[in-house]
Amino acid sequence: MIGKEYLHTAQALLRSAKSITDETIANRLMVLAADYERRVHKAALAPAADRAGSSPRLAKSD
């Protein structure tokens, strides 16, 4: 499951960020971890949208 993989990656990035003494690199890792957490949330919402029959893409209006 993709969401689970993203969550594991986010957790690993956060652990790494906590152990790094270079603040700039630690902050970048935390931002990257937050991005993966957003991906977890997005992946969790995708199956619900599929079940509802709606597409995550926006429909074009003419």
PDB file of N, CA and C in Angstrom:
ATOM      1  N   MET A   1       0.849  -1.172   0.000  1.00  0.00           N
ATOM      2  CA  MET A   1       0.000   0.000   0.000  1.00  0.00           C
ATOM      3  C   MET A   1       0.899   1.242   0.000  1.00  0.00           C
ATOM      4  N   ILE A   2       0.619   2.133  -0.906  1.00  0.00           N
ATOM      5  CA  ILE A   2       1.465   3.311  -1.092  1.00  0.00           C
ATOM      6  C   ILE A   2       1.455   4.223   0.133  1.00  0.00           C
ATOM      7  N   GLY A   3       0.303   4.449   0.711  1.00  0.00           N
ATOM      8  CA  GLY A   3       0.210   5.324   1.876  1.00  0.00           C
ATOM      9  C   GLY A   3       1.070   4.854   3.029  1.00  0.00           C
ATOM     10  N   LYS A   4       1.113   3.545   3.214  1.00  0.00           N
ATOM     11  CA  LYS A   4       1.920   2.973   4.298  1.00  0.00           C
ATOM     12  C   LYS A   4       3.405   3.206   4.032  1.00  0.00           C
ATOM     13  N   GLU A   5       3.817   3.079   2.767  1.00  0.00           N
ATOM     14  CA  GLU A   5       5.220   3.314   2.411  1.00  0.00           C
ATOM     15  C   GLU A   5       5.593   4.772   2.630  1.00  0.00           C
ATOM     16  N   TYR A   6       4.697   5.686   2.256  1.00  0.00           N
ATOM     17  CA  TYR A   6       4.950   7.115   2.477  1.00  0.00           C
ATOM     18  C   TYR A   6       5.079   7.406   3.964  1.00  0.00           C
ATOM     19  N   LEU A   7       4.242   6.774   4.766  1.00  0.00           N
ATOM     20  CA  LEU A   7       4.285   6.997   6.213  1.00  0.00           C
ATOM     21  C   LEU A   7       5.610   6.512   6.799  1.00  0.00           C
ATOM     22  N   HIS A   8       6.066   5.342   6.367  1.00  0.00           N
ATOM     23  CA  HIS A   8       7.357   4.828   6.848  1.00  0.00           C
ATOM     24  C   HIS A   8       8.496   5.767   6.438  1.00  0.00           C
ATOM     25  N   THR A   9       8.430   6.283   5.220  1.00  0.00           N
ATOM     26  CA  THR A   9       9.466   7.205   4.752  1.00  0.00           C
ATOM     27  C   THR A   9       9.453   8.485   5.568  1.00  0.00           C
ATOM     28  N   ALA A  10       8.272   9.018   5.831  1.00  0.00           N
ATOM     29  CA  ALA A  10       8.156  10.244   6.626  1.00  0.00           C
ATOM     30  C   ALA A  10       8.727  10.031   8.022  1.00  0.00           C
ATOM     31  N   GLN A  11       8.420   8.892   8.627  1.00  0.00           N
ATOM     32  CA  GLN A  11       8.927   8.610   9.967  1.00  0.00           C
ATOM     33  C   GLN A  11      10.448   8.478   9.967  1.00  0.00           C
ATOM     34  N   ALA A  12      10.990   7.841   8.941  1.00  0.00           N
ATOM     35  CA  ALA A  12      12.451   7.695   8.847  1.00  0.00           C
ATOM     36  C   ALA A  12      13.114   9.061   8.667  1.00  0.00           C
ATOM     37  N   LEU A  13      12.513   9.922   7.857  1.00  0.00           N
ATOM     38  CA  LEU A  13      13.069  11.257   7.655  1.00  0.00           C
ATOM     39  C   LEU A  13      13.050  12.062   8.952  1.00  0.00           C
ATOM     40  N   LEU A  14      11.971  11.952   9.707  1.00  0.00           N
ATOM     41  CA  LEU A  14      11.883  12.678  10.978  1.00  0.00           C
ATOM     42  C   LEU A  14      12.917  12.171  11.983  1.00  0.00           C
ATOM     43  N   ARG A  15      13.121  10.859  12.020  1.00  0.00           N
ATOM     44  CA  ARG A  15      14.153  10.310  12.917  1.00  0.00           C
ATOM     45  C   ARG A  15      15.532  10.834  12.520  1.00  0.00           C
ATOM     46  N   SER A  16      15.791  10.867  11.223  1.00  0.00           N
ATOM     47  CA  SER A  16      17.083  11.374  10.749  1.00  0.00           C
ATOM     48  C   SER A  16      17.246  12.845  11.083  1.00  0.00           C
ATOM     49  N   ALA A  17      16.177  13.614  10.899  1.00  0.00           N
ATOM     50  CA  ALA A  17      16.241  15.052  11.164  1.00  0.00           C
ATOM     51  C   ALA A  17      16.554  15.325  12.633  1.00  0.00           C
ATOM     52  N   LYS A  18      16.025  14.504  13.527  1.00  0.00           N
ATOM     53  CA  LYS A  18      16.264  14.701  14.958  1.00  0.00           C
ATOM     54  C   LYS A  18      17.716  14.418  15.349  1.00  0.00           C
ATOM     55  N   SER A  19      18.383  13.553  14.575  1.00  0.00           N
ATOM     56  CA  SER A  19      19.743  13.183  14.942  1.00  0.00           C
ATOM     57  C   SER A  19      20.811  14.030  14.250  1.00  0.00           C
ATOM     58  N   ILE A  20      20.418  14.872  13.320  1.00  0.00           N
ATOM     59  CA  ILE A  20      21.382  15.685  12.571  1.00  0.00           C
ATOM     60  C   ILE A  20      21.613  17.006  13.303  1.00  0.00           C
ATOM     61  N   THR A  21      22.867  17.378  13.422  1.00  0.00           N
ATOM     62  CA  THR A  21      23.195  18.618  14.128  1.00  0.00           C
ATOM     63  C   THR A  21      23.145  19.845  13.223  1.00  0.00           C
ATOM     64  N   ASP A  22      23.265  19.654  11.907  1.00  0.00           N
ATOM     65  CA  ASP A  22      23.192  20.778  10.971  1.00  0.00           C
ATOM     66  C   ASP A  22      21.719  21.194  10.834  1.00  0.00           C
ATOM     67  N   GLU A  23      21.396  22.360  11.355  1.00  0.00           N
ATOM     68  CA  GLU A  23      20.011  22.815  11.412  1.00  0.00           C
ATOM     69  C   GLU A  23      19.378  22.965  10.025  1.00  0.00           C
ATOM     70  N   THR A  24      20.135  23.420   9.055  1.00  0.00           N
ATOM     71  CA  THR A  24      19.602  23.607   7.708  1.00  0.00           C
ATOM     72  C   THR A  24      19.180  22.270   7.103  1.00  0.00           C
ATOM     73  N   ILE A  25      20.033  21.286   7.235  1.00  0.00           N
ATOM     74  CA  ILE A  25      19.704  19.968   6.690  1.00  0.00           C
ATOM     75  C   ILE A  25      18.548  19.349   7.467  1.00  0.00           C
ATOM     76  N   ALA A  26      18.539  19.498   8.766  1.00  0.00           N
ATOM     77  CA  ALA A  26      17.450  18.960   9.579  1.00  0.00           C
ATOM     78  C   ALA A  26      16.115  19.588   9.176  1.00  0.00           C
ATOM     79  N   ASN A  27      16.107  20.898   8.949  1.00  0.00           N
ATOM     80  CA  ASN A  27      14.874  21.562   8.527  1.00  0.00           C
ATOM     81  C   ASN A  27      14.400  21.065   7.173  1.00  0.00           C
ATOM     82  N   ARG A  28      15.325  20.853   6.264  1.00  0.00           N
ATOM     83  CA  ARG A  28      14.956  20.340   4.938  1.00  0.00           C
ATOM     84  C   ARG A  28      14.365  18.935   5.042  1.00  0.00           C
ATOM     85  N   LEU A  29      14.934  18.110   5.909  1.00  0.00           N
ATOM     86  CA  LEU A  29      14.394  16.771   6.104  1.00  0.00           C
ATOM     87  C   LEU A  29      12.990  16.830   6.710  1.00  0.00           C
ATOM     88  N   MET A  30      12.764  17.761   7.625  1.00  0.00           N
ATOM     89  CA  MET A  30      11.439  17.898   8.229  1.00  0.00           C
ATOM     90  C   MET A  30      10.407  18.357   7.204  1.00  0.00           C
ATOM     91  N   VAL A  31      10.804  19.249   6.312  1.00  0.00           N
ATOM     92  CA  VAL A  31       9.899  19.701   5.250  1.00  0.00           C
ATOM     93  C   VAL A  31       9.586  18.534   4.311  1.00  0.00           C
ATOM     94  N   LEU A  32      10.588  17.758   3.983  1.00  0.00           N
ATOM     95  CA  LEU A  32      10.388  16.593   3.133  1.00  0.00           C
ATOM     96  C   LEU A  32       9.474  15.578   3.818  1.00  0.00           C
ATOM     97  N   ALA A  33       9.661  15.376   5.105  1.00  0.00           N
ATOM     98  CA  ALA A  33       8.797  14.464   5.863  1.00  0.00           C
ATOM     99  C   ALA A  33       7.353  14.960   5.850  1.00  0.00           C
ATOM    100  N   ALA A  34       7.159  16.262   5.991  1.00  0.00           N
ATOM    101  CA  ALA A  34       5.806  16.825   5.943  1.00  0.00           C
ATOM    102  C   ALA A  34       5.163  16.585   4.578  1.00  0.00           C
ATOM    103  N   ASP A  35       5.962  16.669   3.527  1.00  0.00           N
ATOM    104  CA  ASP A  35       5.445  16.391   2.184  1.00  0.00           C
ATOM    105  C   ASP A  35       4.982  14.941   2.083  1.00  0.00           C
ATOM    106  N   TYR A  36       5.760  14.027   2.625  1.00  0.00           N
ATOM    107  CA  TYR A  36       5.359  12.623   2.597  1.00  0.00           C
ATOM    108  C   TYR A  36       4.102  12.397   3.430  1.00  0.00           C
ATOM    109  N   GLU A  37       3.954  13.109   4.536  1.00  0.00           N
ATOM    110  CA  GLU A  37       2.739  12.981   5.345  1.00  0.00           C
ATOM    111  C   GLU A  37       1.520  13.484   4.570  1.00  0.00           C
ATOM    112  N   ARG A  38       1.695  14.550   3.774  1.00  0.00           N
ATOM    113  CA  ARG A  38       0.597  15.018   2.919  1.00  0.00           C
ATOM    114  C   ARG A  38       0.246  13.960   1.875  1.00  0.00           C
ATOM    115  N   ARG A  39       1.257  13.275   1.367  1.00  0.00           N
ATOM    116  CA  ARG A  39       1.019  12.216   0.390  1.00  0.00           C
ATOM    117  C   ARG A  39       0.236  11.060   1.024  1.00  0.00           C
ATOM    118  N   VAL A  40       0.524  10.759   2.293  1.00  0.00           N
ATOM    119  CA  VAL A  40      -0.224   9.721   3.010  1.00  0.00           C
ATOM    120  C   VAL A  40      -1.688  10.115   3.067  1.00  0.00           C
ATOM    121  N   HIS A  41      -1.944  11.364   3.421  1.00  0.00           N
ATOM    122  CA  HIS A  41      -3.324  11.851   3.516  1.00  0.00           C
ATOM    123  C   HIS A  41      -4.006  11.782   2.156  1.00  0.00           C
ATOM    124  N   LYS A  42      -3.308  12.206   1.118  1.00  0.00           N
ATOM    125  CA  LYS A  42      -3.864  12.194  -0.232  1.00  0.00           C
ATOM    126  C   LYS A  42      -4.148  10.763  -0.689  1.00  0.00           C
ATOM    127  N   ALA A  43      -3.244   9.842  -0.396  1.00  0.00           N
ATOM    128  CA  ALA A  43      -3.438   8.442  -0.774  1.00  0.00           C
ATOM    129  C   ALA A  43      -4.625   7.834  -0.033  1.00  0.00           C
ATOM    130  N   ALA A  44      -4.849   8.267   1.192  1.00  0.00           N
ATOM    131  CA  ALA A  44      -5.981   7.765   1.963  1.00  0.00           C
ATOM    132  C   ALA A  44      -7.305   8.274   1.395  1.00  0.00           C
ATOM    133  N   LEU A  45      -7.302   9.464   0.824  1.00  0.00           N
ATOM    134  CA  LEU A  45      -8.520  10.025   0.265  1.00  0.00           C
ATOM    135  C   LEU A  45      -8.852   9.463  -1.113  1.00  0.00           C
ATOM    136  N   ALA A  46      -7.862   9.008  -1.851  1.00  0.00           N
ATOM    137  CA  ALA A  46      -8.072   8.539  -3.215  1.00  0.00           C
ATOM    138  C   ALA A  46      -9.056   7.370  -3.302  1.00  0.00           C
ATOM    139  N   PRO A  47      -8.948   6.331  -2.477  1.00  0.00           N
ATOM    140  CA  PRO A  47      -9.919   5.234  -2.583  1.00  0.00           C
ATOM    141  C   PRO A  47     -11.348   5.682  -2.285  1.00  0.00           C
ATOM    142  N   ALA A  48     -11.513   6.623  -1.378  1.00  0.00           N
ATOM    143  CA  ALA A  48     -12.850   7.121  -1.068  1.00  0.00           C
ATOM    144  C   ALA A  48     -13.438   7.852  -2.268  1.00  0.00           C
ATOM    145  N   ALA A  49     -12.615   8.605  -2.974  1.00  0.00           N
ATOM    146  CA  ALA A  49     -13.091   9.306  -4.166  1.00  0.00           C
ATOM    147  C   ALA A  49     -13.453   8.309  -5.258  1.00  0.00           C
ATOM    148  N   ASP A  50     -12.677   7.241  -5.380  1.00  0.00           N
ATOM    149  CA  ASP A  50     -12.975   6.207  -6.381  1.00  0.00           C
ATOM    150  C   ASP A  50     -14.287   5.500  -6.065  1.00  0.00           C
ATOM    151  N   ARG A  51     -14.525   5.213  -4.805  1.00  0.00           N
ATOM    152  CA  ARG A  51     -15.770   4.552  -4.412  1.00  0.00           C
ATOM    153  C   ARG A  51     -16.965   5.445  -4.673  1.00  0.00           C
ATOM    154  N   ALA A  52     -16.783   6.746  -4.517  1.00  0.00           N
ATOM    155  CA  ALA A  52     -17.880   7.692  -4.723  1.00  0.00           C
ATOM    156  C   ALA A  52     -18.140   7.930  -6.204  1.00  0.00           C
ATOM    157  N   GLY A  53     -17.238   7.437  -7.054  1.00  0.00           N
ATOM    158  CA  GLY A  53     -17.430   7.595  -8.480  1.00  0.00           C
ATOM    159  C   GLY A  53     -16.962   8.924  -9.022  1.00  0.00           C
ATOM    160  N   SER A  54     -16.281   9.685  -8.195  1.00  0.00           N
ATOM    161  CA  SER A  54     -15.780  10.969  -8.662  1.00  0.00           C
ATOM    162  C   SER A  54     -14.317  10.846  -9.012  1.00  0.00           C
ATOM    163  N   SER A  55     -13.900  11.650  -9.941  1.00  0.00           N
ATOM    164  CA  SER A  55     -12.514  11.645 -10.370  1.00  0.00           C
ATOM    165  C   SER A  55     -11.769  12.750  -9.650  1.00  0.00           C
ATOM    166  N   PRO A  56     -10.512  12.516  -9.236  1.00  0.00           N
ATOM    167  CA  PRO A  56      -9.751  13.576  -8.568  1.00  0.00           C
ATOM    168  C   PRO A  56      -9.358  14.690  -9.520  1.00  0.00           C
ATOM    169  N   ARG A  57      -9.461  14.437 -10.834  1.00  0.00           N
ATOM    170  CA  ARG A  57      -9.120  15.477 -11.806  1.00  0.00           C
ATOM    171  C   ARG A  57     -10.295  16.415 -11.984  1.00  0.00           C
ATOM    172  N   LEU A  58      -9.982  17.644 -12.256  1.00  0.00           N
ATOM    173  CA  LEU A  58     -11.018  18.631 -12.498  1.00  0.00           C
ATOM    174  C   LEU A  58     -11.567  18.470 -13.901  1.00  0.00           C
ATOM    175  N   ALA A  59     -12.860  18.560 -14.020  1.00  0.00           N
ATOM    176  CA  ALA A  59     -13.490  18.449 -15.338  1.00  0.00           C
ATOM    177  C   ALA A  59     -13.352  19.765 -16.070  1.00  0.00           C
ATOM    178  N   LYS A  60     -13.116  19.683 -17.361  1.00  0.00           N
ATOM    179  CA  LYS A  60     -13.010  20.901 -18.168  1.00  0.00           C
ATOM    180  C   LYS A  60     -14.403  21.412 -18.486  1.00  0.00           C
ATOM    181  N   SER A  61     -14.578  22.685 -18.411  1.00  0.00           N
ATOM    182  CA  SER A  61     -15.857  23.279 -18.793  1.00  0.00           C
ATOM    183  C   SER A  61     -15.657  24.103 -20.037  1.00  0.00           C
ATOM    184  N   ASP A  62     -16.550  23.939 -21.006  1.00  0.00           N
ATOM    185  CA  ASP A  62     -16.436  24.676 -22.275  1.00  0.00           C
ATOM    186  C   ASP A  62     -17.264  25.933 -22.252  1.00  0.00           C
TER     187      ASP A  62
END
